[in-house]
Amino acid sequence: MSGLDATERPDAHTALVRTRVGKAVVAVLVIVMSVWIVGPNIPASPVRDRVEVVWSPAIKAGFKQNWSVFSPNPRAQALEVVAVAEFADGTTTEWTLPELGQTIGAYRSYRWRKWQERIRLDSNARYWDSSAAWIARDVARGDELPVSVRLIRRWRDIKPLTANGIVDTKVNEFEFHVWGRVDG
């Protein structure tokens, strides 16, 4: 028996999934979703390439995970984007990505790190001015905006561990954009 006594009537959804057609629809959905979630996430191979069309709707829906963040080829550089804002009196302040805490904040921090990863690319130069203007508003002292914001890429090569531990490499720095306030 289903656990319902004779006086209880199931809701329409429950009644539907108890029918032969309802069970078949649920089974098909479970199979399709399993293939759509697992399929795009298996590592590249000739077999995967041949059956990829099966989950192309899943890729369009955003179910694909980019495996390049995992071994055997992790990123070989540590990246950072900072901004140096200069005020009219000559003082400066350095803006860095927000620190958002280790629990819920970690999810928001990930978005910031992805922004940082992309904004530094020359191919995304169209976003530099608006990003610098946003940073200027973020570091403003009340109503006083900085007169300029310099966007700076920093990176350090990550070397494999040696018998002596971590190899420290020098930090490289490159100013890639300067925003200037337009008073008007």
N, C-alpha and C. Protein backbone atom coordinates (compact mmCIF):
# COMPACT_ATOMS: atom_id res chain seq x y z
N MET A 1 0.85 -1.19 0.00
CA MET A 1 0.00 0.00 0.00
C MET A 1 0.88 1.24 0.00
N SER A 2 0.36 2.37 -0.40
CA SER A 2 1.16 3.57 -0.59
C SER A 2 1.35 4.39 0.67
N GLY A 3 0.70 4.09 1.76
CA GLY A 3 0.81 4.90 2.97
C GLY A 3 -0.36 5.85 3.12
N LEU A 4 -1.20 5.98 2.12
CA LEU A 4 -2.38 6.83 2.22
C LEU A 4 -3.55 5.97 2.70
N ASP A 5 -4.32 6.52 3.60
CA ASP A 5 -5.50 5.72 3.97
C ASP A 5 -6.60 5.97 2.94
N ALA A 6 -7.63 5.23 3.00
CA ALA A 6 -8.68 5.24 1.98
C ALA A 6 -9.36 6.59 1.85
N THR A 7 -9.32 7.44 2.89
CA THR A 7 -10.02 8.73 2.82
C THR A 7 -9.16 9.82 2.20
N GLU A 8 -7.84 9.62 2.13
CA GLU A 8 -6.96 10.64 1.55
C GLU A 8 -6.89 10.48 0.04
N ARG A 9 -6.91 11.62 -0.64
CA ARG A 9 -6.78 11.61 -2.09
C ARG A 9 -5.47 12.27 -2.44
N PRO A 10 -4.67 11.66 -3.27
CA PRO A 10 -3.41 12.28 -3.66
C PRO A 10 -3.64 13.52 -4.52
N ASP A 11 -2.67 14.43 -4.49
CA ASP A 11 -2.79 15.61 -5.34
C ASP A 11 -2.62 15.19 -6.80
N ALA A 12 -2.87 16.11 -7.71
CA ALA A 12 -2.86 15.78 -9.14
C ALA A 12 -1.49 15.29 -9.59
N HIS A 13 -0.44 15.91 -9.10
CA HIS A 13 0.91 15.50 -9.50
C HIS A 13 1.19 14.06 -9.08
N THR A 14 0.90 13.73 -7.82
CA THR A 14 1.12 12.38 -7.32
C THR A 14 0.28 11.38 -8.11
N ALA A 15 -0.97 11.72 -8.36
CA ALA A 15 -1.84 10.83 -9.13
C ALA A 15 -1.28 10.60 -10.53
N LEU A 16 -0.72 11.66 -11.14
CA LEU A 16 -0.17 11.54 -12.49
C LEU A 16 1.04 10.62 -12.52
N VAL A 17 1.96 10.79 -11.58
CA VAL A 17 3.18 9.97 -11.62
C VAL A 17 2.93 8.52 -11.20
N ARG A 18 1.77 8.23 -10.69
CA ARG A 18 1.43 6.84 -10.35
C ARG A 18 0.87 6.08 -11.55
N THR A 19 0.54 6.80 -12.60
CA THR A 19 0.01 6.11 -13.79
C THR A 19 1.17 5.52 -14.58
N ARG A 20 0.85 4.59 -15.48
CA ARG A 20 1.88 3.97 -16.31
C ARG A 20 2.59 5.03 -17.16
N VAL A 21 1.84 5.95 -17.75
CA VAL A 21 2.43 7.02 -18.56
C VAL A 21 3.28 7.94 -17.68
N GLY A 22 2.79 8.29 -16.51
CA GLY A 22 3.55 9.15 -15.60
C GLY A 22 4.87 8.52 -15.19
N LYS A 23 4.85 7.24 -14.88
CA LYS A 23 6.09 6.55 -14.50
C LYS A 23 7.07 6.52 -15.67
N ALA A 24 6.55 6.32 -16.88
CA ALA A 24 7.43 6.30 -18.06
C ALA A 24 8.05 7.67 -18.29
N VAL A 25 7.26 8.73 -18.13
CA VAL A 25 7.77 10.09 -18.31
C VAL A 25 8.86 10.39 -17.28
N VAL A 26 8.62 10.04 -16.03
CA VAL A 26 9.62 10.27 -14.98
C VAL A 26 10.90 9.48 -15.27
N ALA A 27 10.76 8.23 -15.69
CA ALA A 27 11.93 7.39 -16.01
C ALA A 27 12.73 8.01 -17.16
N VAL A 28 12.05 8.46 -18.19
CA VAL A 28 12.73 9.09 -19.33
C VAL A 28 13.44 10.37 -18.88
N LEU A 29 12.79 11.18 -18.08
CA LEU A 29 13.41 12.42 -17.59
C LEU A 29 14.65 12.13 -16.75
N VAL A 30 14.58 11.12 -15.90
CA VAL A 30 15.75 10.76 -15.08
C VAL A 30 16.91 10.32 -15.97
N ILE A 31 16.63 9.51 -16.96
CA ILE A 31 17.68 9.04 -17.87
C ILE A 31 18.27 10.21 -18.67
N VAL A 32 17.41 11.04 -19.24
CA VAL A 32 17.89 12.19 -20.04
C VAL A 32 18.72 13.13 -19.18
N MET A 33 18.24 13.46 -18.00
CA MET A 33 18.98 14.38 -17.14
C MET A 33 20.30 13.76 -16.68
N SER A 34 20.31 12.46 -16.43
CA SER A 34 21.56 11.80 -16.04
C SER A 34 22.58 11.89 -17.17
N VAL A 35 22.14 11.60 -18.40
CA VAL A 35 23.04 11.70 -19.55
C VAL A 35 23.49 13.14 -19.75
N TRP A 36 22.58 14.08 -19.62
CA TRP A 36 22.91 15.50 -19.83
C TRP A 36 23.87 16.04 -18.77
N ILE A 37 23.80 15.52 -17.57
CA ILE A 37 24.69 16.00 -16.51
C ILE A 37 26.03 15.27 -16.56
N VAL A 38 26.01 13.96 -16.74
CA VAL A 38 27.24 13.19 -16.73
C VAL A 38 27.98 13.32 -18.07
N GLY A 39 27.28 13.21 -19.16
CA GLY A 39 27.89 13.21 -20.49
C GLY A 39 28.84 14.36 -20.76
N PRO A 40 28.39 15.60 -20.65
CA PRO A 40 29.28 16.72 -20.97
C PRO A 40 30.48 16.82 -20.03
N ASN A 41 30.43 16.14 -18.92
CA ASN A 41 31.50 16.26 -17.92
C ASN A 41 32.53 15.14 -17.96
N ILE A 42 32.37 14.18 -18.87
CA ILE A 42 33.39 13.16 -18.97
C ILE A 42 34.58 13.74 -19.74
N PRO A 43 35.79 13.29 -19.43
CA PRO A 43 36.97 13.83 -20.11
C PRO A 43 36.93 13.59 -21.62
N ALA A 44 37.62 14.45 -22.36
CA ALA A 44 37.65 14.35 -23.82
C ALA A 44 38.23 13.01 -24.26
N SER A 45 37.61 12.44 -25.30
CA SER A 45 38.07 11.19 -25.88
C SER A 45 37.41 11.03 -27.25
N PRO A 46 37.92 10.15 -28.09
CA PRO A 46 37.28 9.93 -29.40
C PRO A 46 35.83 9.43 -29.27
N VAL A 47 35.59 8.57 -28.30
CA VAL A 47 34.22 8.07 -28.09
C VAL A 47 33.30 9.21 -27.71
N ARG A 48 33.75 10.06 -26.79
CA ARG A 48 32.95 11.20 -26.36
C ARG A 48 32.62 12.10 -27.54
N ASP A 49 33.61 12.32 -28.42
CA ASP A 49 33.39 13.18 -29.58
C ASP A 49 32.30 12.63 -30.50
N ARG A 50 32.20 11.30 -30.61
CA ARG A 50 31.21 10.70 -31.49
C ARG A 50 29.78 10.82 -30.95
N VAL A 51 29.61 10.83 -29.64
CA VAL A 51 28.26 10.86 -29.06
C VAL A 51 27.89 12.22 -28.47
N GLU A 52 28.74 13.20 -28.69
CA GLU A 52 28.51 14.53 -28.09
C GLU A 52 27.19 15.16 -28.49
N VAL A 53 26.67 14.85 -29.66
CA VAL A 53 25.42 15.42 -30.13
C VAL A 53 24.25 15.09 -29.18
N VAL A 54 24.37 13.98 -28.45
CA VAL A 54 23.31 13.55 -27.53
C VAL A 54 23.07 14.60 -26.45
N TRP A 55 24.13 15.24 -25.99
CA TRP A 55 23.96 16.20 -24.90
C TRP A 55 24.18 17.65 -25.33
N SER A 56 24.14 17.93 -26.63
CA SER A 56 24.29 19.32 -27.05
C SER A 56 23.23 20.24 -26.43
N PRO A 57 21.97 19.78 -26.22
CA PRO A 57 21.02 20.66 -25.52
C PRO A 57 21.47 20.98 -24.09
N ALA A 58 22.14 20.01 -23.44
CA ALA A 58 22.61 20.23 -22.07
C ALA A 58 23.71 21.28 -22.05
N ILE A 59 24.58 21.26 -23.06
CA ILE A 59 25.65 22.25 -23.14
C ILE A 59 25.05 23.63 -23.32
N LYS A 60 24.04 23.73 -24.19
CA LYS A 60 23.36 25.02 -24.40
C LYS A 60 22.66 25.49 -23.13
N ALA A 61 22.23 24.54 -22.30
CA ALA A 61 21.55 24.89 -21.04
C ALA A 61 22.52 25.19 -19.92
N GLY A 62 23.83 24.99 -20.15
CA GLY A 62 24.82 25.35 -19.15
C GLY A 62 25.23 24.25 -18.19
N PHE A 63 25.00 22.99 -18.54
CA PHE A 63 25.37 21.89 -17.65
C PHE A 63 26.83 21.48 -17.76
N LYS A 64 27.57 22.05 -18.69
CA LYS A 64 28.95 21.61 -18.93
C LYS A 64 29.91 22.23 -17.93
N GLN A 65 30.78 21.41 -17.36
CA GLN A 65 31.83 21.85 -16.43
C GLN A 65 33.13 21.89 -17.20
N ASN A 66 33.89 22.96 -17.03
CA ASN A 66 35.18 23.05 -17.67
C ASN A 66 36.22 22.33 -16.80
N TRP A 67 36.74 21.23 -17.29
CA TRP A 67 37.66 20.40 -16.50
C TRP A 67 39.07 20.96 -16.47
N SER A 68 39.34 22.06 -17.14
CA SER A 68 40.71 22.57 -17.19
C SER A 68 41.19 23.09 -15.84
N VAL A 69 40.30 23.24 -14.87
CA VAL A 69 40.75 23.69 -13.55
C VAL A 69 41.37 22.56 -12.74
N PHE A 70 41.26 21.33 -13.24
CA PHE A 70 41.78 20.18 -12.51
C PHE A 70 43.06 19.66 -13.14
N SER A 71 43.75 18.79 -12.43
CA SER A 71 44.96 18.16 -12.95
C SER A 71 44.61 17.39 -14.21
N PRO A 72 45.52 17.10 -15.06
CA PRO A 72 46.96 17.21 -14.88
C PRO A 72 47.54 18.55 -15.32
N ASN A 73 46.74 19.49 -15.73
CA ASN A 73 47.28 20.76 -16.23
C ASN A 73 46.70 21.96 -15.49
N PRO A 74 46.99 22.12 -14.21
CA PRO A 74 46.46 23.28 -13.50
C PRO A 74 47.15 24.56 -13.99
N ARG A 75 46.57 25.70 -13.66
CA ARG A 75 47.12 27.00 -14.05
C ARG A 75 48.57 27.10 -13.58
N ALA A 76 49.41 27.68 -14.41
CA ALA A 76 50.84 27.79 -14.09
C ALA A 76 51.20 29.19 -13.57
N GLN A 77 50.20 30.04 -13.36
CA GLN A 77 50.45 31.37 -12.83
C GLN A 77 49.40 31.73 -11.79
N ALA A 78 49.85 32.47 -10.78
CA ALA A 78 48.92 33.09 -9.83
C ALA A 78 48.62 34.48 -10.38
N LEU A 79 47.34 34.84 -10.44
CA LEU A 79 46.92 36.09 -11.06
C LEU A 79 46.32 37.02 -10.03
N GLU A 80 46.45 38.31 -10.29
CA GLU A 80 45.81 39.31 -9.44
C GLU A 80 45.60 40.57 -10.27
N VAL A 81 44.48 41.21 -10.07
CA VAL A 81 44.23 42.53 -10.65
C VAL A 81 43.98 43.46 -9.48
N VAL A 82 44.69 44.57 -9.45
CA VAL A 82 44.49 45.59 -8.43
C VAL A 82 44.27 46.92 -9.15
N ALA A 83 43.75 47.88 -8.42
CA ALA A 83 43.57 49.21 -8.96
C ALA A 83 44.17 50.20 -7.96
N VAL A 84 44.85 51.19 -8.47
CA VAL A 84 45.39 52.26 -7.63
C VAL A 84 44.63 53.52 -8.00
N ALA A 85 43.89 54.03 -7.02
CA ALA A 85 43.09 55.24 -7.23
C ALA A 85 43.84 56.42 -6.64
N GLU A 86 43.93 57.50 -7.41
CA GLU A 86 44.61 58.72 -6.94
C GLU A 86 43.58 59.83 -6.81
N PHE A 87 43.63 60.52 -5.67
CA PHE A 87 42.72 61.62 -5.40
C PHE A 87 43.37 62.95 -5.75
N ALA A 88 42.57 64.00 -5.78
CA ALA A 88 43.05 65.33 -6.18
C ALA A 88 44.18 65.83 -5.28
N ASP A 89 44.19 65.42 -4.01
CA ASP A 89 45.25 65.88 -3.09
C ASP A 89 46.54 65.06 -3.22
N GLY A 90 46.59 64.12 -4.16
CA GLY A 90 47.79 63.32 -4.39
C GLY A 90 47.84 62.01 -3.62
N THR A 91 46.91 61.79 -2.70
CA THR A 91 46.90 60.53 -1.95
C THR A 91 46.35 59.41 -2.84
N THR A 92 46.78 58.20 -2.53
CA THR A 92 46.32 57.05 -3.30
C THR A 92 45.77 55.98 -2.37
N THR A 93 44.97 55.12 -2.93
CA THR A 93 44.48 53.94 -2.22
C THR A 93 44.48 52.78 -3.20
N GLU A 94 44.80 51.59 -2.70
CA GLU A 94 44.82 50.41 -3.56
C GLU A 94 43.54 49.62 -3.34
N TRP A 95 42.86 49.33 -4.42
CA TRP A 95 41.64 48.51 -4.40
C TRP A 95 42.03 47.09 -4.79
N THR A 96 41.55 46.11 -4.01
CA THR A 96 41.74 44.71 -4.34
C THR A 96 40.38 44.02 -4.30
N LEU A 97 40.33 42.81 -4.75
CA LEU A 97 39.07 42.07 -4.73
C LEU A 97 38.54 41.98 -3.31
N PRO A 98 37.23 42.06 -3.15
CA PRO A 98 36.65 41.95 -1.81
C PRO A 98 36.92 40.58 -1.18
N GLU A 99 37.17 40.58 0.11
CA GLU A 99 37.27 39.34 0.89
C GLU A 99 35.89 39.11 1.49
N LEU A 100 35.28 37.97 1.19
CA LEU A 100 33.88 37.78 1.53
C LEU A 100 33.60 36.65 2.51
N GLY A 101 34.59 36.14 3.18
CA GLY A 101 34.34 35.09 4.17
C GLY A 101 34.45 33.71 3.58
N GLN A 102 34.56 32.71 4.46
CA GLN A 102 34.84 31.36 4.00
C GLN A 102 33.61 30.51 3.72
N THR A 103 32.45 30.87 4.21
CA THR A 103 31.29 30.00 3.95
C THR A 103 30.54 30.51 2.73
N ILE A 104 29.52 31.28 2.92
CA ILE A 104 28.72 31.78 1.80
C ILE A 104 29.56 32.71 0.92
N GLY A 105 30.44 33.48 1.53
CA GLY A 105 31.27 34.41 0.78
C GLY A 105 32.15 33.74 -0.25
N ALA A 106 32.49 32.47 -0.04
CA ALA A 106 33.35 31.76 -0.99
C ALA A 106 32.71 31.69 -2.37
N TYR A 107 31.39 31.57 -2.41
CA TYR A 107 30.70 31.51 -3.70
C TYR A 107 30.76 32.86 -4.42
N ARG A 108 30.60 33.93 -3.68
CA ARG A 108 30.70 35.26 -4.28
C ARG A 108 32.15 35.57 -4.64
N SER A 109 33.11 35.11 -3.83
CA SER A 109 34.52 35.33 -4.13
C SER A 109 34.90 34.66 -5.45
N TYR A 110 34.32 33.50 -5.71
CA TYR A 110 34.62 32.80 -6.95
C TYR A 110 34.24 33.68 -8.15
N ARG A 111 33.11 34.35 -8.09
CA ARG A 111 32.70 35.24 -9.18
C ARG A 111 33.70 36.37 -9.37
N TRP A 112 34.16 36.93 -8.26
CA TRP A 112 35.17 38.00 -8.34
C TRP A 112 36.45 37.48 -8.97
N ARG A 113 36.88 36.28 -8.59
CA ARG A 113 38.10 35.72 -9.17
C ARG A 113 37.94 35.48 -10.66
N LYS A 114 36.75 35.05 -11.09
CA LYS A 114 36.51 34.87 -12.52
C LYS A 114 36.54 36.22 -13.23
N TRP A 115 35.96 37.25 -12.61
CA TRP A 115 36.02 38.60 -13.19
C TRP A 115 37.48 39.01 -13.35
N GLN A 116 38.27 38.82 -12.31
CA GLN A 116 39.68 39.19 -12.32
C GLN A 116 40.44 38.45 -13.42
N GLU A 117 40.12 37.19 -13.58
CA GLU A 117 40.77 36.36 -14.59
C GLU A 117 40.50 36.90 -16.00
N ARG A 118 39.29 37.41 -16.20
CA ARG A 118 38.90 37.85 -17.54
C ARG A 118 39.20 39.33 -17.80
N ILE A 119 39.07 40.18 -16.81
CA ILE A 119 39.21 41.62 -17.04
C ILE A 119 40.64 41.98 -17.45
N ARG A 120 41.61 41.20 -17.05
CA ARG A 120 43.00 41.49 -17.34
C ARG A 120 43.39 41.22 -18.78
N LEU A 121 42.55 40.49 -19.51
CA LEU A 121 42.86 40.10 -20.89
C LEU A 121 42.68 41.28 -21.85
N ASP A 122 43.62 41.43 -22.77
CA ASP A 122 43.51 42.48 -23.78
C ASP A 122 42.23 42.34 -24.60
N SER A 123 41.77 41.13 -24.79
CA SER A 123 40.54 40.91 -25.56
C SER A 123 39.30 41.47 -24.86
N ASN A 124 39.43 41.83 -23.60
CA ASN A 124 38.30 42.41 -22.86
C ASN A 124 38.51 43.89 -22.56
N ALA A 125 39.32 44.56 -23.36
CA ALA A 125 39.62 45.98 -23.15
C ALA A 125 38.36 46.83 -23.14
N ARG A 126 37.31 46.40 -23.81
CA ARG A 126 36.07 47.19 -23.85
C ARG A 126 35.44 47.34 -22.46
N TYR A 127 35.83 46.50 -21.49
CA TYR A 127 35.28 46.58 -20.13
C TYR A 127 36.17 47.35 -19.16
N TRP A 128 37.35 47.73 -19.58
CA TRP A 128 38.31 48.34 -18.67
C TRP A 128 37.82 49.68 -18.13
N ASP A 129 37.31 50.54 -19.01
CA ASP A 129 36.89 51.87 -18.57
C ASP A 129 35.73 51.79 -17.57
N SER A 130 34.73 50.97 -17.88
CA SER A 130 33.58 50.86 -16.97
C SER A 130 33.99 50.21 -15.65
N SER A 131 34.92 49.25 -15.69
CA SER A 131 35.40 48.63 -14.45
C SER A 131 36.14 49.64 -13.59
N ALA A 132 37.00 50.43 -14.21
CA ALA A 132 37.75 51.45 -13.46
C ALA A 132 36.81 52.52 -12.90
N ALA A 133 35.80 52.90 -13.65
CA ALA A 133 34.83 53.89 -13.15
C ALA A 133 34.06 53.32 -11.96
N TRP A 134 33.70 52.03 -12.01
CA TRP A 134 33.02 51.40 -10.88
C TRP A 134 33.92 51.39 -9.65
N ILE A 135 35.20 51.04 -9.86
CA ILE A 135 36.16 51.02 -8.75
C ILE A 135 36.30 52.42 -8.17
N ALA A 136 36.31 53.44 -9.03
CA ALA A 136 36.41 54.83 -8.54
C ALA A 136 35.24 55.14 -7.61
N ARG A 137 34.03 54.73 -7.99
CA ARG A 137 32.87 54.95 -7.12
C ARG A 137 32.99 54.15 -5.83
N ASP A 138 33.57 52.95 -5.92
CA ASP A 138 33.70 52.08 -4.75
C ASP A 138 34.68 52.64 -3.71
N VAL A 139 35.73 53.30 -4.17
CA VAL A 139 36.74 53.82 -3.24
C VAL A 139 36.54 55.31 -2.92
N ALA A 140 35.47 55.91 -3.45
CA ALA A 140 35.22 57.33 -3.23
C ALA A 140 35.17 57.65 -1.73
N ARG A 141 35.62 58.84 -1.40
CA ARG A 141 35.55 59.33 -0.01
C ARG A 141 34.32 60.23 0.08
N GLY A 142 33.23 59.63 0.44
CA GLY A 142 31.97 60.39 0.45
C GLY A 142 31.63 60.76 -0.99
N ASP A 143 31.56 62.08 -1.27
CA ASP A 143 31.26 62.55 -2.62
C ASP A 143 32.52 62.76 -3.47
N GLU A 144 33.70 62.57 -2.89
CA GLU A 144 34.94 62.82 -3.62
C GLU A 144 35.41 61.57 -4.36
N LEU A 145 35.32 61.63 -5.68
CA LEU A 145 35.82 60.55 -6.52
C LEU A 145 37.31 60.74 -6.76
N PRO A 146 38.04 59.66 -6.99
CA PRO A 146 39.44 59.83 -7.38
C PRO A 146 39.53 60.50 -8.75
N VAL A 147 40.67 61.13 -9.03
CA VAL A 147 40.86 61.76 -10.33
C VAL A 147 41.32 60.75 -11.37
N SER A 148 41.93 59.65 -10.90
CA SER A 148 42.35 58.60 -11.83
C SER A 148 42.35 57.25 -11.12
N VAL A 149 42.21 56.22 -11.94
CA VAL A 149 42.30 54.84 -11.45
C VAL A 149 43.17 54.08 -12.45
N ARG A 150 44.22 53.48 -11.94
CA ARG A 150 45.12 52.66 -12.77
C ARG A 150 44.82 51.20 -12.50
N LEU A 151 44.53 50.44 -13.56
CA LEU A 151 44.32 48.99 -13.44
C LEU A 151 45.65 48.30 -13.68
N ILE A 152 45.99 47.38 -12.78
CA ILE A 152 47.31 46.74 -12.81
C ILE A 152 47.15 45.23 -12.76
N ARG A 153 47.82 44.55 -13.67
CA ARG A 153 47.90 43.08 -13.66
C ARG A 153 49.12 42.69 -12.85
N ARG A 154 48.95 41.72 -11.99
CA ARG A 154 50.09 41.13 -11.29
C ARG A 154 50.02 39.63 -11.52
N TRP A 155 51.16 39.03 -11.72
CA TRP A 155 51.20 37.58 -11.86
C TRP A 155 52.54 37.05 -11.39
N ARG A 156 52.48 35.81 -11.00
CA ARG A 156 53.67 35.11 -10.52
C ARG A 156 53.61 33.70 -11.10
N ASP A 157 54.72 33.25 -11.66
CA ASP A 157 54.77 31.88 -12.17
C ASP A 157 54.76 30.92 -11.00
N ILE A 158 54.02 29.84 -11.15
CA ILE A 158 53.97 28.80 -10.13
C ILE A 158 54.84 27.66 -10.62
N LYS A 159 55.89 27.41 -9.89
CA LYS A 159 56.82 26.34 -10.23
C LYS A 159 56.44 25.08 -9.47
N PRO A 160 56.73 23.91 -10.03
CA PRO A 160 56.46 22.66 -9.31
C PRO A 160 57.26 22.60 -8.00
N LEU A 161 56.73 21.87 -7.04
CA LEU A 161 57.45 21.66 -5.78
C LEU A 161 58.77 20.96 -6.03
N THR A 162 59.76 21.34 -5.26
CA THR A 162 61.05 20.68 -5.34
C THR A 162 61.30 19.96 -4.01
N ALA A 163 62.44 19.31 -3.90
CA ALA A 163 62.79 18.63 -2.65
C ALA A 163 62.90 19.63 -1.51
N ASN A 164 63.21 20.89 -1.84
CA ASN A 164 63.34 21.93 -0.81
C ASN A 164 62.04 22.68 -0.56
N GLY A 165 60.98 22.30 -1.22
CA GLY A 165 59.69 22.96 -1.01
C GLY A 165 59.31 23.83 -2.19
N ILE A 166 58.57 24.89 -1.89
CA ILE A 166 58.04 25.78 -2.92
C ILE A 166 59.14 26.70 -3.44
N VAL A 167 59.20 26.86 -4.75
CA VAL A 167 60.14 27.78 -5.37
C VAL A 167 59.44 29.13 -5.46
N ASP A 168 60.02 30.14 -4.84
CA ASP A 168 59.44 31.48 -4.87
C ASP A 168 59.86 32.17 -6.16
N THR A 169 58.89 32.68 -6.89
CA THR A 169 59.18 33.39 -8.12
C THR A 169 58.80 34.85 -7.96
N LYS A 170 59.38 35.69 -8.77
CA LYS A 170 59.13 37.13 -8.63
C LYS A 170 57.74 37.49 -9.14
N VAL A 171 57.18 38.54 -8.54
CA VAL A 171 55.88 39.05 -8.95
C VAL A 171 56.10 40.03 -10.09
N ASN A 172 55.40 39.80 -11.18
CA ASN A 172 55.44 40.69 -12.33
C ASN A 172 54.25 41.64 -12.24
N GLU A 173 54.42 42.83 -12.78
CA GLU A 173 53.36 43.83 -12.70
C GLU A 173 53.32 44.61 -14.00
N PHE A 174 52.09 44.89 -14.47
CA PHE A 174 51.93 45.66 -15.70
C PHE A 174 50.67 46.51 -15.58
N GLU A 175 50.82 47.81 -15.75
CA GLU A 175 49.67 48.72 -15.76
C GLU A 175 49.02 48.63 -17.14
N PHE A 176 47.76 48.21 -17.17
CA PHE A 176 47.14 47.96 -18.46
C PHE A 176 46.04 48.95 -18.83
N HIS A 177 45.64 49.81 -17.89
CA HIS A 177 44.62 50.81 -18.24
C HIS A 177 44.63 51.94 -17.22
N VAL A 178 44.42 53.14 -17.70
CA VAL A 178 44.28 54.30 -16.82
C VAL A 178 42.96 54.98 -17.15
N TRP A 179 42.14 55.14 -16.13
CA TRP A 179 40.87 55.84 -16.24
C TRP A 179 41.05 57.22 -15.62
N GLY A 180 40.54 58.23 -16.29
CA GLY A 180 40.59 59.57 -15.72
C GLY A 180 39.20 60.12 -15.60
N ARG A 181 38.94 60.77 -14.48
CA ARG A 181 37.62 61.34 -14.21
C ARG A 181 37.37 62.47 -15.19
N VAL A 182 36.16 62.52 -15.71
CA VAL A 182 35.74 63.61 -16.57
C VAL A 182 34.78 64.47 -15.78
N ASP A 183 35.21 65.68 -15.44
CA ASP A 183 34.31 66.59 -14.71
C ASP A 183 33.45 67.32 -15.72
N GLY A 184 32.23 67.46 -15.39
CA GLY A 184 31.41 68.11 -16.39
C GLY A 184 30.16 68.55 -15.78
